[in-house]
């Protein structure tokens, strides 16, 4: 069949794409693209095989349902051309060239209404246009994030699709701030009161909110999946307690934020010293991609400062506190030591009381099992608390009694951490402190020059802003240097803890060597301790350590687990993986032996 149109095509697939979900819901952009493509097909006399749409997919990948559908059609039947409204609908450079190569294997061309035609000149022009489009998009993104950063530095909230729960936006579009939304803030105050006054944990708070049917916060997830039920999550409650938008800040704290460079002095000067303000944090990048944190003052949420401090204190205490669910004094592996291999989440404690026999069965179970909003866990592990705790402690007790494996593993970790240090951390810290003092002197010199008339206020502001950026960079490097040295010191202290018999054994090794002794009858080679005696001393010391470890309370066991940075991964009810500051090992739980012996 002869091809009569200017594109030399008989059959075509029309392709349209938008990036935002709002564009998909409104449908205007997709319909507009397809309307122009249909007009092109009618004008050129091309038969449209199918119209393919990709909604809410970004331009940086070809892994889209629509693109996959196009490739499937081209494999099954003859398609002359795949046409889009603009070339960037296929993706960002070089994705259109990649897709062109994939379609060429099936004899299909990739075209758009704005392309430059075929041939080498057309390909070169298309490539140049793709590169220019990508460059312009990146410049636009840089300008956008720079504008957001400047807006936050000017004391305004950078609006997103969802404000912080309990607040709503107020003010003109380009000068947004927060005002309290009382119907939601009332629930936030209820959360703080339950934790600070009633002394409830986040699990109990979430349970009460769900039981009382308190409406959950409106989120984009709920709009996307309105058919799914949602519960109050512990993560959201923890984030509320730690969010500075709910904490009233004193004028002294505001002044400290200004001194640290998180808030502009001009913004702080506009605040009423008689009022309390909360802080909304903006975390973003400048034009060059450098990260910044900016404190934006917002209206007080009406939550007593004592409630906020008490809630945060409870959260901090709960980081190391063992669970007491089911009336048990201490769940040894609760709060982070035991992880489900299927979903990677911390396993929950679970107590089941038998009314028939009056007994309570204690288990660790996967946290996903009772959440309806998540996909089911592929492992769905449930472990007897008695069996898994005994197996883990027997393994750790064996390591603690004969800590050679721990000491060896720590040697490797210390060497690895030392390799990250560029030199002596103490010397580097002193040098960085010297740089900070020099930068402070430069600030004073700039101010003196402005006072003497050698510099305008605008020039002074630019110099001080540049100086502030350099100071922040030096402070970040100083903090990183301190952390690197601190990690090595912590590992060395842990190694000393588990090599507590090192000095004694070193003396024993020295006295166990052959030594020359002078006597009236001549020189003799003697050895004070034979190998058999040293071995018996080691065994006696090990047995004594095991007897002492058997007396450890559950809290003492948890302290030992923290020292070893223990992590237990549950693969099944019989198999767990134990790792930490030692080599990973697999431990098998024996369900028929509830009190197994200490690991030899």
Protein backbone atom coordinates (compact mmCIF):
# COMPACT_ATOMS: atom_id res chain seq x y z
CA UNK A 1 0.00 0.00 0.00
CA UNK A 2 1.41 3.38 -0.96
CA UNK A 3 2.15 5.90 1.74
CA UNK A 4 0.59 9.19 0.81
CA UNK A 5 1.09 11.46 3.81
CA UNK A 6 4.10 13.63 4.54
CA UNK A 7 5.24 11.38 7.38
CA UNK A 8 5.28 8.29 5.18
CA UNK A 9 3.07 6.48 7.68
CA UNK A 10 -0.10 4.41 7.53
CA UNK A 11 -0.58 3.35 11.16
CA UNK A 12 0.19 5.26 14.32
CA UNK A 13 -0.05 5.13 18.10
CA UNK A 14 -0.85 8.42 19.80
CA UNK A 15 0.91 8.99 23.14
CA UNK A 16 0.16 11.55 25.86
CA UNK A 17 1.73 12.05 29.29
CA UNK A 18 1.43 14.41 32.25
CA UNK A 19 3.54 14.58 35.40
CA UNK A 20 1.11 15.65 38.12
CA UNK A 21 -1.77 13.80 39.72
CA UNK A 22 -3.84 16.97 39.70
CA UNK A 23 -3.50 17.11 35.90
CA UNK A 24 -4.78 13.53 35.72
CA UNK A 25 -7.79 14.29 37.90
CA UNK A 26 -8.68 17.40 35.90
CA UNK A 27 -7.95 15.68 32.59
CA UNK A 28 -7.43 18.94 30.72
CA UNK A 29 -3.79 18.44 29.67
CA UNK A 30 -4.19 14.83 28.53
CA UNK A 31 -7.34 15.62 26.56
CA UNK A 32 -5.69 18.66 24.98
CA UNK A 33 -2.67 16.65 23.82
CA UNK A 34 -4.83 13.89 22.34
CA UNK A 35 -7.12 16.41 20.64
CA UNK A 36 -4.19 17.91 18.69
CA UNK A 37 -2.81 14.45 17.88
CA UNK A 38 -6.19 13.31 16.50
CA UNK A 39 -6.32 16.43 14.34
CA UNK A 40 -2.84 15.59 13.00
CA UNK A 41 -3.85 11.98 12.24
CA UNK A 42 -6.99 13.13 10.40
CA UNK A 43 -5.05 15.70 8.39
CA UNK A 44 -2.35 13.20 7.42
CA UNK A 45 -4.74 10.35 6.76
CA UNK A 46 -3.09 8.09 9.32
CA UNK A 47 -5.04 5.23 10.93
CA UNK A 48 -4.77 5.38 14.71
CA UNK A 49 -4.31 1.93 16.23
CA UNK A 50 -4.52 3.03 19.85
CA UNK A 51 -4.34 6.06 22.11
CA UNK A 52 -1.95 5.48 25.05
CA UNK A 53 -1.86 7.68 28.14
CA UNK A 54 0.55 7.89 31.07
CA UNK A 55 -0.79 9.86 34.01
CA UNK A 56 1.31 11.21 36.90
CA UNK A 57 4.62 9.79 35.65
CA UNK A 58 7.84 11.82 35.67
CA UNK A 59 10.06 12.32 32.66
CA UNK A 60 13.19 10.68 34.13
CA UNK A 61 12.26 7.03 33.42
CA UNK A 62 10.88 4.86 30.60
CA UNK A 63 9.43 2.34 33.03
CA UNK A 64 5.85 3.51 32.56
CA UNK A 65 2.72 1.47 31.79
CA UNK A 66 2.07 3.47 28.61
CA UNK A 67 5.59 2.99 27.20
CA UNK A 68 5.46 -0.73 28.02
CA UNK A 69 2.10 -0.95 26.25
CA UNK A 70 3.56 0.75 23.14
CA UNK A 71 6.46 -1.72 23.02
CA UNK A 72 4.05 -4.65 23.35
CA UNK A 73 1.91 -3.39 20.47
CA UNK A 74 4.96 -2.83 18.25
CA UNK A 75 6.12 -6.40 18.91
CA UNK A 76 2.71 -7.84 17.99
CA UNK A 77 1.93 -5.89 14.83
CA UNK A 78 3.21 -3.37 12.33
CA UNK A 79 3.26 0.23 13.62
CA UNK A 80 4.72 2.94 11.42
CA UNK A 81 4.99 5.80 13.89
CA UNK A 82 4.48 6.61 17.57
CA UNK A 83 3.43 10.24 17.78
CA UNK A 84 3.34 12.60 20.76
CA UNK A 85 2.34 16.21 21.18
CA UNK A 86 5.89 17.31 22.15
CA UNK A 87 9.11 15.35 22.19
CA UNK A 88 9.64 15.79 25.93
CA UNK A 89 6.42 13.80 26.55
CA UNK A 90 8.54 10.69 25.91
CA UNK A 91 10.97 11.74 28.63
CA UNK A 92 14.01 13.82 29.39
CA UNK A 93 17.14 13.63 27.24
CA UNK A 94 18.52 11.06 26.39
CA UNK A 95 15.40 8.91 26.97
CA UNK A 96 13.78 9.80 23.60
CA UNK A 97 16.93 8.56 21.83
CA UNK A 98 16.86 5.34 23.87
CA UNK A 99 13.21 4.76 22.98
CA UNK A 100 13.95 5.55 19.32
CA UNK A 101 16.49 2.71 19.27
CA UNK A 102 14.05 0.27 20.90
CA UNK A 103 11.29 1.07 18.42
CA UNK A 104 13.64 0.98 15.43
CA UNK A 105 14.09 -2.76 15.96
CA UNK A 106 10.41 -3.15 15.09
CA UNK A 107 10.51 -0.72 12.16
CA UNK A 108 8.70 2.02 14.06
CA UNK A 109 9.57 5.72 14.09
CA UNK A 110 9.36 7.99 17.12
CA UNK A 111 7.98 11.41 16.16
CA UNK A 112 6.35 14.44 17.74
CA UNK A 113 4.51 17.49 16.46
CA UNK A 114 7.47 19.72 17.38
CA UNK A 115 10.36 17.59 16.10
CA UNK A 116 12.79 18.57 13.33
CA UNK A 117 12.20 15.76 10.87
CA UNK A 118 14.39 12.88 9.75
CA UNK A 119 18.00 12.64 8.63
CA UNK A 120 21.21 13.54 10.40
CA UNK A 121 20.36 17.24 10.53
CA UNK A 122 16.98 16.48 12.07
CA UNK A 123 18.50 14.10 14.63
CA UNK A 124 21.15 16.65 15.57
CA UNK A 125 18.53 19.38 15.92
CA UNK A 126 16.30 17.13 18.04
CA UNK A 127 19.22 16.23 20.31
CA UNK A 128 20.10 19.90 20.73
CA UNK A 129 16.48 20.79 21.54
CA UNK A 130 16.29 17.93 24.07
CA UNK A 131 19.46 19.12 25.78
CA UNK A 132 18.28 22.73 25.86
CA UNK A 133 14.92 21.67 27.29
CA UNK A 134 16.63 19.69 30.06
CA UNK A 135 18.94 22.62 30.80
CA UNK A 136 16.01 25.02 31.02
CA UNK A 137 14.07 22.67 33.33
CA UNK A 138 17.04 22.38 35.65
CA UNK A 139 17.53 26.14 35.71
CA UNK A 140 13.84 26.53 36.50
CA UNK A 141 14.15 24.01 39.34
CA UNK A 142 17.15 25.88 40.73
CA UNK A 143 15.32 29.19 40.57
CA UNK A 144 12.30 27.59 42.24
CA UNK A 145 14.22 26.17 45.18
CA UNK A 146 16.16 29.42 45.55
CA UNK A 147 12.85 31.29 45.67
CA UNK A 148 11.53 28.91 48.33
CA UNK A 149 14.66 29.36 50.42
CA UNK A 150 14.45 33.15 50.23
CA UNK A 151 10.77 33.01 51.14
CA UNK A 152 11.60 30.99 54.29
CA UNK A 153 14.46 33.37 55.15
CA UNK A 154 11.97 36.23 54.91
CA UNK A 155 9.83 34.57 57.59
CA UNK A 156 7.13 32.98 55.43
CA UNK A 157 5.95 29.38 55.31
CA UNK A 158 6.70 27.55 52.04
CA UNK A 159 3.29 26.12 51.19
CA UNK A 160 2.89 22.49 50.15
CA UNK A 161 -0.16 20.37 49.40
CA UNK A 162 -0.76 19.66 53.11
CA UNK A 163 0.01 22.06 55.99
CA UNK A 164 1.22 20.82 59.36
CA UNK A 165 -1.66 19.11 61.15
CA UNK A 166 -3.50 21.59 63.36
CA UNK A 167 -2.66 24.58 61.17
CA UNK A 168 -3.94 26.09 57.94
CA UNK A 169 -2.46 28.61 55.56
CA UNK A 170 -3.12 32.30 56.00
CA UNK A 171 -2.12 35.41 54.08
CA UNK A 172 -1.43 36.18 50.41
CA UNK A 173 -0.14 33.45 48.11
CA UNK A 174 3.46 34.64 48.19
CA UNK A 175 3.43 35.53 51.90
CA UNK A 176 1.89 32.50 53.51
CA UNK A 177 2.01 31.87 57.23
CA UNK A 178 0.15 29.58 59.63
CA UNK A 179 -2.95 30.10 61.70
CA UNK A 180 -4.46 27.56 64.08
CA UNK A 181 -7.18 25.28 62.76
CA UNK A 182 -8.98 24.67 66.01
CA UNK A 183 -10.83 21.46 65.07
CA UNK A 184 -7.51 19.73 64.36
CA UNK A 185 -5.38 21.47 66.99
CA UNK A 186 -7.84 20.28 69.64
CA UNK A 187 -6.84 16.71 68.77
CA UNK A 188 -3.12 17.58 68.91
CA UNK A 189 -3.57 19.04 72.40
CA UNK A 190 -5.40 15.85 73.39
CA UNK A 191 -2.38 13.80 72.23
CA UNK A 192 0.03 15.92 74.27
CA UNK A 193 -2.22 15.79 77.35
CA UNK A 194 -2.45 11.99 77.20
CA UNK A 195 1.33 11.69 77.13
CA UNK A 196 2.29 14.50 79.50
CA UNK A 197 -0.52 14.37 82.08
CA UNK A 198 -1.79 10.78 81.90
CA UNK A 199 1.72 9.42 81.22
CA UNK A 200 0.60 7.18 78.35
CA UNK A 201 3.02 5.81 75.76
CA UNK A 202 2.55 6.33 72.04
CA UNK A 203 1.08 2.81 71.65
CA UNK A 204 -1.58 3.56 74.25
CA UNK A 205 -2.29 6.99 72.72
CA UNK A 206 -2.77 5.50 69.24
CA UNK A 207 -4.98 2.74 70.65
CA UNK A 208 -7.24 5.21 72.49
CA UNK A 209 -7.59 7.48 69.46
CA UNK A 210 -8.58 4.50 67.31
CA UNK A 211 -11.00 3.16 69.91
CA UNK A 212 -12.67 6.55 70.32
CA UNK A 213 -13.03 6.94 66.56
CA UNK A 214 -11.10 10.22 66.39
CA UNK A 215 -10.79 11.23 62.70
CA UNK A 216 -7.31 10.68 61.30
CA UNK A 217 -5.36 13.57 59.72
CA UNK A 218 -6.15 14.31 56.07
CA UNK A 219 -3.21 13.17 53.95
CA UNK A 220 -2.50 12.76 50.24
CA UNK A 221 -2.41 8.98 50.78
CA UNK A 222 -6.00 9.03 51.93
CA UNK A 223 -7.06 11.00 48.85
CA UNK A 224 -5.32 8.56 46.53
CA UNK A 225 -6.83 5.50 48.23
CA UNK A 226 -10.16 6.58 49.75
CA UNK A 227 -11.34 2.96 49.93
CA UNK A 228 -8.63 2.02 52.44
CA UNK A 229 -9.25 2.32 56.13
CA UNK A 230 -6.64 4.20 58.15
CA UNK A 231 -5.69 4.17 61.80
CA UNK A 232 -3.68 6.52 63.95
CA UNK A 233 -0.04 5.51 63.59
CA UNK A 234 2.64 5.59 66.26
CA UNK A 235 4.99 7.26 63.76
CA UNK A 236 2.62 10.21 63.34
CA UNK A 237 2.20 10.64 67.11
CA UNK A 238 5.97 10.51 67.64
CA UNK A 239 6.45 13.12 64.90
CA UNK A 240 3.87 15.39 66.60
CA UNK A 241 5.69 15.25 69.92
CA UNK A 242 9.02 16.12 68.27
CA UNK A 243 7.64 18.83 65.95
CA UNK A 244 8.75 22.34 66.95
CA UNK A 245 5.60 23.77 65.33
CA UNK A 246 3.76 22.73 68.52
CA UNK A 247 6.40 23.94 71.00
CA UNK A 248 6.21 27.53 72.27
CA UNK A 249 9.64 29.17 72.06
CA UNK A 250 10.81 31.87 74.45
CA UNK A 251 12.49 35.09 73.23
CA UNK A 252 15.80 33.66 74.47
CA UNK A 253 15.38 30.59 72.27
CA UNK A 254 14.48 32.79 69.29
CA UNK A 255 17.64 34.83 69.91
CA UNK A 256 19.67 31.62 70.01
CA UNK A 257 18.27 30.60 66.61
CA UNK A 258 19.31 33.97 65.21
CA UNK A 259 22.80 33.61 66.69
CA UNK A 260 23.15 30.12 65.19
CA UNK A 261 22.15 31.45 61.78
CA UNK A 262 18.84 29.60 61.45
CA UNK A 263 16.73 32.79 61.47
CA UNK A 264 17.29 36.21 59.96
CA UNK A 265 17.73 39.07 62.49
CA UNK A 266 15.25 41.12 60.45
CA UNK A 267 12.59 38.43 60.90
CA UNK A 268 13.26 38.16 64.64
CA UNK A 269 13.05 41.94 65.02
CA UNK A 270 9.45 41.93 63.77
CA UNK A 271 8.30 39.51 66.50
CA UNK A 272 6.45 40.73 69.58
CA UNK A 273 8.73 40.11 72.61
CA UNK A 274 5.65 39.64 74.80
CA UNK A 275 4.33 36.76 72.69
CA UNK A 276 5.35 33.13 72.31
CA UNK A 277 6.03 31.67 68.87
CA UNK A 278 6.43 28.17 67.51
CA UNK A 279 8.97 27.23 64.85
CA UNK A 280 8.26 25.70 61.45
CA UNK A 281 11.44 24.33 59.87
CA UNK A 282 12.17 24.64 56.18
CA UNK A 283 14.79 22.20 54.86
CA UNK A 284 15.85 22.88 51.29
CA UNK A 285 18.63 23.75 48.87
CA UNK A 286 19.97 26.94 47.40
CA UNK A 287 20.72 27.58 43.71
CA UNK A 288 23.99 25.63 43.87
CA UNK A 289 22.45 22.64 45.61
CA UNK A 290 23.77 23.32 49.13
CA UNK A 291 21.48 22.20 51.96
CA UNK A 292 20.00 24.74 54.39
CA UNK A 293 17.71 24.70 57.44
CA UNK A 294 15.67 27.81 58.13
CA UNK A 295 13.56 28.50 61.23
CA UNK A 296 10.28 30.25 60.39
CA UNK A 297 8.31 31.70 63.34
CA UNK A 298 4.60 30.83 63.35
CA UNK A 299 1.76 31.43 65.77
CA UNK A 300 1.70 29.59 69.09
CA UNK A 301 -0.26 26.32 68.96
CA UNK A 302 -1.65 26.80 72.48
CA UNK A 303 0.06 23.72 73.91
CA UNK A 304 1.72 24.24 77.30
CA UNK A 305 5.47 24.11 77.15
CA UNK A 306 5.51 21.69 80.10
CA UNK A 307 3.42 19.20 78.09
CA UNK A 308 5.84 19.34 75.16
CA UNK A 309 8.90 18.81 77.37
CA UNK A 310 7.22 15.98 79.28
CA UNK A 311 6.16 14.24 76.07
CA UNK A 312 9.68 14.42 74.64
CA UNK A 313 11.13 13.17 77.90
CA UNK A 314 8.85 10.13 77.75
CA UNK A 315 9.89 9.43 74.16
CA UNK A 316 13.56 9.67 75.08
CA UNK A 317 13.10 7.35 78.07
CA UNK A 318 11.21 4.84 75.92
CA UNK A 319 14.16 4.47 73.55
CA UNK A 320 15.79 2.03 75.99
CA UNK A 321 12.84 0.97 78.12
CA UNK A 322 11.72 -2.63 77.78
CA UNK A 323 8.10 -3.47 77.10
CA UNK A 324 5.95 -4.59 80.04
CA UNK A 325 3.02 -5.89 77.98
CA UNK A 326 0.88 -8.61 79.54
CA UNK A 327 2.07 -7.73 83.03
CA UNK A 328 5.55 -9.06 82.31
CA UNK A 329 8.40 -7.31 84.08
CA UNK A 330 10.74 -7.11 81.06
CA UNK A 331 10.66 -8.28 77.45
CA UNK A 332 14.38 -8.63 76.80
CA UNK A 333 14.31 -8.20 73.00
CA UNK A 334 11.64 -5.50 72.76
CA UNK A 335 12.06 -1.99 71.31
CA UNK A 336 14.47 -2.62 68.50
CA UNK A 337 16.59 -5.72 69.14
CA UNK A 338 14.33 -8.18 67.28
CA UNK A 339 13.56 -7.54 63.59
CA UNK A 340 11.26 -9.40 61.20
CA UNK A 341 13.16 -10.65 58.15
CA UNK A 342 10.08 -10.38 55.92
CA UNK A 343 9.27 -6.68 56.29
CA UNK A 344 12.31 -5.33 58.16
CA UNK A 345 10.22 -3.85 60.99
CA UNK A 346 10.66 -4.23 64.73
CA UNK A 347 8.67 -7.14 66.13
CA UNK A 348 5.93 -6.42 68.66
CA UNK A 349 5.28 -8.05 71.99
CA UNK A 350 2.05 -10.05 72.27
CA UNK A 351 0.52 -11.69 75.35
CA UNK A 352 -2.35 -14.20 75.02
CA UNK A 353 -4.21 -15.15 78.19
CA UNK A 354 -5.97 -18.52 78.32
CA UNK A 355 -9.15 -18.17 80.42
CA UNK A 356 -9.55 -21.93 80.50
CA UNK A 357 -6.21 -22.70 82.13
CA UNK A 358 -5.44 -19.30 83.63
CA UNK A 359 -2.06 -19.09 81.89
CA UNK A 360 -0.49 -16.43 79.67
CA UNK A 361 1.43 -17.23 76.50
CA UNK A 362 4.06 -14.69 75.48
CA UNK A 363 5.13 -14.13 71.87
CA UNK A 364 7.02 -11.76 69.62
CA UNK A 365 5.12 -11.19 66.37
CA UNK A 366 5.48 -9.22 63.16
CA UNK A 367 4.09 -5.69 63.53
CA UNK A 368 2.38 -5.79 60.11
CA UNK A 369 -0.10 -8.48 61.13
CA UNK A 370 -2.57 -6.05 62.71
CA UNK A 371 -2.30 -3.19 60.20
CA UNK A 372 -4.89 -3.19 57.43
CA UNK A 373 -3.25 -0.44 55.37
CA UNK A 374 -0.06 -2.34 54.57
CA UNK A 375 0.72 -5.31 52.37
CA UNK A 376 0.93 -8.62 54.30
CA UNK A 377 4.41 -9.54 55.49
CA UNK A 378 5.89 -12.45 53.47
CA UNK A 379 7.47 -13.96 56.60
CA UNK A 380 4.77 -13.26 59.22
CA UNK A 381 6.99 -14.65 61.99
CA UNK A 382 5.74 -15.38 65.50
CA UNK A 383 8.24 -16.53 68.14
CA UNK A 384 7.86 -17.86 71.66
CA UNK A 385 9.34 -15.19 73.92
CA UNK A 386 10.81 -17.77 76.31
CA UNK A 387 12.55 -19.75 73.56
CA UNK A 388 13.98 -16.88 71.51
CA UNK A 389 15.19 -14.93 74.56
CA UNK A 390 16.94 -18.01 75.96
CA UNK A 391 18.56 -18.78 72.59
CA UNK A 392 19.84 -15.22 72.12
CA UNK A 393 21.19 -14.87 75.66
CA UNK A 394 22.91 -18.28 75.52
CA UNK A 395 24.68 -17.19 72.34
CA UNK A 396 25.69 -13.78 73.75
CA UNK A 397 26.76 -15.32 77.06
CA UNK A 398 29.04 -17.69 75.20
CA UNK A 399 30.62 -14.76 73.35
CA UNK A 400 30.98 -12.76 76.57
CA UNK A 401 32.66 -15.64 78.39
CA UNK A 402 35.08 -16.21 75.49
CA UNK A 403 35.17 -12.78 73.86
CA UNK A 404 37.91 -13.45 71.31
CA UNK A 405 35.40 -13.20 68.43
CA UNK A 406 34.06 -9.88 69.71
CA UNK A 407 37.55 -8.43 70.20
CA UNK A 408 38.59 -9.58 66.72
CA UNK A 409 35.49 -8.07 65.14
CA UNK A 410 36.10 -4.81 66.98
CA UNK A 411 39.69 -4.76 65.71
CA UNK A 412 38.36 -4.80 62.15
CA UNK A 413 35.77 -2.10 62.86
CA UNK A 414 38.31 0.17 64.57
CA UNK A 415 40.73 -0.22 61.68
CA UNK A 416 37.93 0.56 59.22
CA UNK A 417 36.91 3.70 61.13
CA UNK A 418 40.52 4.85 61.45
CA UNK A 419 40.95 4.54 57.69
CA UNK A 420 38.21 7.18 57.28
CA UNK A 421 40.19 9.71 59.31
CA UNK A 422 42.39 11.95 57.21
CA UNK A 423 44.81 12.51 60.10
CA UNK A 424 44.84 13.26 63.80
CA UNK A 425 41.22 14.28 64.64
CA UNK A 426 42.32 16.38 67.64
CA UNK A 427 44.75 18.36 65.48
CA UNK A 428 42.08 18.85 62.82
CA UNK A 429 39.58 20.04 65.44
CA UNK A 430 42.08 22.62 66.71
CA UNK A 431 42.67 23.84 63.16
CA UNK A 432 38.95 24.21 62.50
CA UNK A 433 38.46 26.15 65.74
CA UNK A 434 41.23 28.47 64.56
CA UNK A 435 39.38 29.02 61.27
CA UNK A 436 36.20 29.91 63.16
CA UNK A 437 38.08 32.48 65.25
CA UNK A 438 39.57 33.99 62.08
CA UNK A 439 36.11 34.21 60.48
CA UNK A 440 34.82 35.98 63.59
CA UNK A 441 37.62 38.52 63.22
CA UNK A 442 36.70 39.11 59.58
CA UNK A 443 33.11 39.88 60.60
CA UNK A 444 34.32 42.62 62.93
CA UNK A 445 36.65 44.01 60.26
CA UNK A 446 33.81 44.24 57.73
CA UNK A 447 31.63 46.09 60.24
CA UNK A 448 34.47 48.52 61.00
CA UNK A 449 34.92 49.22 57.27
CA UNK A 450 31.22 49.96 56.90
CA UNK A 451 31.27 52.25 59.93
CA UNK A 452 34.26 54.11 58.45
CA UNK A 453 32.44 54.63 55.16
CA UNK A 454 34.58 52.29 53.05
CA UNK A 455 31.64 49.98 52.40
CA UNK A 456 27.90 50.47 51.82
CA UNK A 457 25.22 48.65 53.82
CA UNK A 458 24.36 46.53 50.76
CA UNK A 459 28.01 45.53 50.33
CA UNK A 460 28.25 44.76 54.05
CA UNK A 461 25.16 42.56 53.84
CA UNK A 462 26.60 40.62 50.91
CA UNK A 463 29.94 40.16 52.67
CA UNK A 464 28.28 39.01 55.92
CA UNK A 465 26.03 36.59 54.04
CA UNK A 466 29.04 35.07 52.27
CA UNK A 467 30.89 34.89 55.58
CA UNK A 468 27.90 33.17 57.21
CA UNK A 469 27.88 30.44 54.54
CA UNK A 470 31.60 29.79 55.02
CA UNK A 471 31.15 29.69 58.80
CA UNK A 472 28.36 27.14 58.51
CA UNK A 473 30.49 24.95 56.26
CA UNK A 474 33.37 25.04 58.78
CA UNK A 475 30.97 24.23 61.63
CA UNK A 476 29.59 21.24 59.72
CA UNK A 477 33.11 19.96 59.09
CA UNK A 478 33.96 20.47 62.76
CA UNK A 479 30.94 18.43 63.84
CA UNK A 480 31.78 15.66 61.36
CA UNK A 481 35.38 15.55 62.61
CA UNK A 482 34.21 15.23 66.22
CA UNK A 483 31.87 12.41 65.26
CA UNK A 484 34.59 10.49 63.43
CA UNK A 485 36.93 10.59 66.41
CA UNK A 486 34.12 9.82 68.88
CA UNK A 487 33.13 6.66 67.02
CA UNK A 488 36.69 5.30 67.26
CA UNK A 489 36.83 6.10 70.98
CA UNK A 490 33.50 4.35 71.60
CA UNK A 491 34.67 1.22 69.80
CA UNK A 492 37.94 1.20 71.75
CA UNK A 493 36.07 1.49 75.05
CA UNK A 494 33.83 -1.41 74.08
CA UNK A 495 36.85 -3.48 73.13
CA UNK A 496 38.45 -2.77 76.53
CA UNK A 497 35.24 -3.91 78.19
CA UNK A 498 35.29 -7.32 76.50
CA UNK A 499 39.08 -7.72 76.79
CA UNK A 500 38.94 -7.14 80.56
CA UNK A 501 41.35 -10.03 81.19
CA UNK A 502 43.86 -8.79 78.65
CA UNK A 503 46.53 -7.60 81.13
CA UNK A 504 46.39 -10.78 83.17
CA UNK A 505 46.60 -13.02 80.14
CA UNK A 506 49.46 -10.93 78.77
CA UNK A 507 51.43 -11.48 81.98
CA UNK A 508 50.60 -15.18 81.79
CA UNK A 509 51.89 -15.36 78.23
CA UNK A 510 55.17 -13.70 79.24
CA UNK A 511 55.76 -16.02 82.21
CA UNK A 512 54.85 -19.00 80.05
CA UNK A 513 57.83 -18.44 77.76
CA UNK A 514 61.19 -20.19 78.24
CA UNK A 515 63.44 -18.11 80.50
CA UNK A 516 67.19 -18.37 81.31
CA UNK A 517 67.89 -18.72 85.08
CA UNK A 518 71.35 -18.48 86.68
CA UNK A 519 72.08 -20.99 89.49
CA UNK A 520 75.28 -22.10 91.30
CA UNK A 521 75.19 -25.13 89.05
CA UNK A 522 74.95 -23.07 85.87
CA UNK A 523 72.27 -21.60 83.55
CA UNK A 524 69.03 -23.40 82.95
CA UNK A 525 66.04 -22.81 80.62
CA UNK A 526 62.79 -22.87 82.65
CA UNK A 527 59.12 -22.15 82.04
CA UNK A 528 56.91 -21.20 84.97
CA UNK A 529 53.54 -22.18 83.50
CA UNK A 530 53.18 -25.04 81.04
CA UNK A 531 50.57 -24.91 78.28
CA UNK A 532 48.29 -27.34 80.11
CA UNK A 533 48.18 -25.08 83.16
CA UNK A 534 47.38 -22.02 81.06
CA UNK A 535 44.58 -23.92 79.35
CA UNK A 536 43.10 -24.96 82.70
CA UNK A 537 43.28 -21.34 83.92
CA UNK A 538 41.45 -20.18 80.81
CA UNK A 539 38.73 -22.77 81.28
CA UNK A 540 38.36 -21.87 84.96
CA UNK A 541 38.05 -18.20 84.07
CA UNK A 542 35.47 -19.00 81.40
CA UNK A 543 33.39 -21.14 83.73
CA UNK A 544 33.47 -18.40 86.35
CA UNK A 545 32.33 -15.85 83.76
CA UNK A 546 29.46 -18.12 82.70
CA UNK A 547 28.30 -18.50 86.30
CA UNK A 548 28.31 -14.74 86.66
CA UNK A 549 26.44 -14.25 83.36
CA UNK A 550 23.73 -16.66 84.48
CA UNK A 551 22.91 -14.22 87.28
CA UNK A 552 22.28 -11.30 84.92
CA UNK A 553 18.85 -9.69 85.26
CA UNK A 554 16.80 -8.96 82.11
CA UNK A 555 17.80 -5.28 82.27
CA UNK A 556 21.48 -6.22 82.59
CA UNK A 557 21.07 -8.45 79.55
CA UNK A 558 19.57 -5.56 77.59
CA UNK A 559 22.51 -3.38 78.61
CA UNK A 560 24.90 -6.03 77.26
CA UNK A 561 22.88 -6.14 74.02
CA UNK A 562 23.22 -2.36 73.65
CA UNK A 563 26.97 -2.56 74.24
CA UNK A 564 27.25 -5.12 71.44
CA UNK A 565 24.85 -3.18 69.14
CA UNK A 566 22.85 -6.39 68.90
CA UNK A 567 20.46 -7.02 66.03
CA UNK A 568 18.43 -10.24 65.85
CA UNK A 569 16.67 -10.98 62.53
CA UNK A 570 13.88 -13.57 62.72
CA UNK A 571 13.58 -15.70 59.56
CA UNK A 572 11.23 -18.36 60.98
CA UNK A 573 10.10 -19.78 64.31
CA UNK A 574 13.21 -21.98 64.33
CA UNK A 575 15.90 -19.80 62.72
CA UNK A 576 17.25 -16.40 63.73
CA UNK A 577 20.29 -14.43 62.58
CA UNK A 578 22.37 -12.66 65.25
CA UNK A 579 24.81 -9.87 64.46
CA UNK A 580 26.38 -6.80 66.01
CA UNK A 581 29.99 -5.96 66.89
CA UNK A 582 30.90 -9.49 65.85
CA UNK A 583 30.53 -11.76 62.84
CA UNK A 584 26.97 -12.70 61.83
CA UNK A 585 25.89 -16.16 62.95
CA UNK A 586 22.74 -18.22 62.55
CA UNK A 587 21.13 -19.55 65.73
CA UNK A 588 18.50 -22.27 65.73
CA UNK A 589 15.78 -22.21 68.36
CA UNK A 590 14.75 -25.55 69.89
CA UNK A 591 11.04 -25.40 70.69
CA UNK A 592 11.31 -28.66 72.68
CA UNK A 593 13.93 -27.20 75.06
CA UNK A 594 12.49 -24.10 76.74
CA UNK A 595 15.60 -23.67 78.92
CA UNK A 596 18.60 -24.66 76.79
CA UNK A 597 22.03 -24.75 78.37
CA UNK A 598 24.62 -22.01 77.99
CA UNK A 599 26.35 -22.15 74.61
CA UNK A 600 29.75 -23.90 74.97
